[in-house]
């Protein structure tokens, strides 16, 4: 019994998103250079909650996943 495997078409690279783990640091696109990176609290459904370390634990900012990249 021979079965042929069908290959799935490759997704365009624009659909690939980075894995942003809680505790990692990210930068916003168009973020001023003198502003430190943001810390990721969590990411769900295309949205990420981030904060500045100086803001304290209870202050968070919700941003779209495509607006951020890993801090280098």
C-alpha atoms as a PDB file:
ATOM      1  CA  UNK A   1       0.000   0.000   0.000  1.00  0.00           C
ATOM      2  CA  UNK A   2       1.707   3.163  -1.171  1.00  0.00           C
ATOM      3  CA  UNK A   3       0.622   6.524   0.120  1.00  0.00           C
ATOM      4  CA  UNK A   4       1.902   9.828  -1.127  1.00  0.00           C
ATOM      5  CA  UNK A   5       2.568  12.639   1.271  1.00  0.00           C
ATOM      6  CA  UNK A   6       1.474  16.055   0.209  1.00  0.00           C
ATOM      7  CA  UNK A   7       3.675  18.953   1.159  1.00  0.00           C
ATOM      8  CA  UNK A   8       2.056  21.979   2.659  1.00  0.00           C
ATOM      9  CA  UNK A   9       2.728  25.225   0.840  1.00  0.00           C
ATOM     10  CA  UNK A  10       5.268  27.460   2.545  1.00  0.00           C
ATOM     11  CA  UNK A  11       3.798  30.411   4.377  1.00  0.00           C
ATOM     12  CA  UNK A  12       5.017  33.848   3.408  1.00  0.00           C
ATOM     13  CA  UNK A  13       7.668  35.136   5.801  1.00  0.00           C
ATOM     14  CA  UNK A  14       5.359  38.020   6.782  1.00  0.00           C
ATOM     15  CA  UNK A  15       3.151  35.506   8.641  1.00  0.00           C
ATOM     16  CA  UNK A  16       6.013  34.276  10.829  1.00  0.00           C
ATOM     17  CA  UNK A  17       6.159  35.933  14.236  1.00  0.00           C
ATOM     18  CA  UNK A  18       8.890  35.831  16.837  1.00  0.00           C
ATOM     19  CA  UNK A  19       8.401  33.884  20.030  1.00  0.00           C
ATOM     20  CA  UNK A  20       8.374  36.505  22.751  1.00  0.00           C
ATOM     21  CA  UNK A  21       8.651  34.910  26.153  1.00  0.00           C
ATOM     22  CA  UNK A  22       7.676  36.632  29.392  1.00  0.00           C
ATOM     23  CA  UNK A  23      10.688  38.397  30.838  1.00  0.00           C
ATOM     24  CA  UNK A  24      12.374  38.999  27.471  1.00  0.00           C
ATOM     25  CA  UNK A  25      13.156  42.539  26.375  1.00  0.00           C
ATOM     26  CA  UNK A  26      11.767  44.171  23.240  1.00  0.00           C
ATOM     27  CA  UNK A  27      11.876  47.465  21.417  1.00  0.00           C
ATOM     28  CA  UNK A  28       8.987  49.214  19.706  1.00  0.00           C
ATOM     29  CA  UNK A  29       9.334  50.319  16.105  1.00  0.00           C
ATOM     30  CA  UNK A  30      10.109  54.053  16.084  1.00  0.00           C
ATOM     31  CA  UNK A  31      11.125  53.859  19.761  1.00  0.00           C
ATOM     32  CA  UNK A  32      13.563  56.654  20.723  1.00  0.00           C
ATOM     33  CA  UNK A  33      17.123  55.423  21.268  1.00  0.00           C
ATOM     34  CA  UNK A  34      17.340  56.947  24.753  1.00  0.00           C
ATOM     35  CA  UNK A  35      14.315  54.949  25.997  1.00  0.00           C
ATOM     36  CA  UNK A  36      15.312  51.560  27.470  1.00  0.00           C
ATOM     37  CA  UNK A  37      13.805  48.309  26.125  1.00  0.00           C
ATOM     38  CA  UNK A  38      10.421  47.130  27.370  1.00  0.00           C
ATOM     39  CA  UNK A  39       9.996  43.890  29.308  1.00  0.00           C
ATOM     40  CA  UNK A  40       7.385  41.409  28.008  1.00  0.00           C
ATOM     41  CA  UNK A  41       4.706  40.442  30.528  1.00  0.00           C
ATOM     42  CA  UNK A  42       2.719  38.149  28.184  1.00  0.00           C
ATOM     43  CA  UNK A  43       1.611  37.764  24.554  1.00  0.00           C
ATOM     44  CA  UNK A  44      -1.785  36.463  23.383  1.00  0.00           C
ATOM     45  CA  UNK A  45      -3.779  36.721  20.183  1.00  0.00           C
ATOM     46  CA  UNK A  46      -1.448  39.122  18.410  1.00  0.00           C
ATOM     47  CA  UNK A  47      -1.181  41.466  21.406  1.00  0.00           C
ATOM     48  CA  UNK A  48       1.640  41.807  23.946  1.00  0.00           C
ATOM     49  CA  UNK A  49       1.647  43.431  27.338  1.00  0.00           C
ATOM     50  CA  UNK A  50       4.918  45.177  28.116  1.00  0.00           C
ATOM     51  CA  UNK A  51       6.282  47.440  30.804  1.00  0.00           C
ATOM     52  CA  UNK A  52       9.274  49.536  31.708  1.00  0.00           C
ATOM     53  CA  UNK A  53      11.119  48.271  34.758  1.00  0.00           C
ATOM     54  CA  UNK A  54      10.862  51.711  36.345  1.00  0.00           C
ATOM     55  CA  UNK A  55       7.038  51.662  36.003  1.00  0.00           C
ATOM     56  CA  UNK A  56       6.476  49.067  38.718  1.00  0.00           C
ATOM     57  CA  UNK A  57       4.629  45.741  38.518  1.00  0.00           C
ATOM     58  CA  UNK A  58       1.088  47.094  38.141  1.00  0.00           C
ATOM     59  CA  UNK A  59       1.622  49.404  35.144  1.00  0.00           C
ATOM     60  CA  UNK A  60       1.497  47.648  31.747  1.00  0.00           C
ATOM     61  CA  UNK A  61       1.043  48.725  28.151  1.00  0.00           C
ATOM     62  CA  UNK A  62      -0.784  46.667  25.489  1.00  0.00           C
ATOM     63  CA  UNK A  63       0.764  46.796  21.999  1.00  0.00           C
ATOM     64  CA  UNK A  64       0.244  44.902  18.743  1.00  0.00           C
ATOM     65  CA  UNK A  65       2.734  42.080  18.210  1.00  0.00           C
ATOM     66  CA  UNK A  66       3.835  43.459  14.826  1.00  0.00           C
ATOM     67  CA  UNK A  67       4.923  46.743  16.462  1.00  0.00           C
ATOM     68  CA  UNK A  68       7.715  45.159  18.490  1.00  0.00           C
ATOM     69  CA  UNK A  69      10.997  43.344  17.899  1.00  0.00           C
ATOM     70  CA  UNK A  70      13.513  41.707  20.187  1.00  0.00           C
ATOM     71  CA  UNK A  71      16.009  44.045  21.797  1.00  0.00           C
ATOM     72  CA  UNK A  72      19.545  43.641  20.506  1.00  0.00           C
END
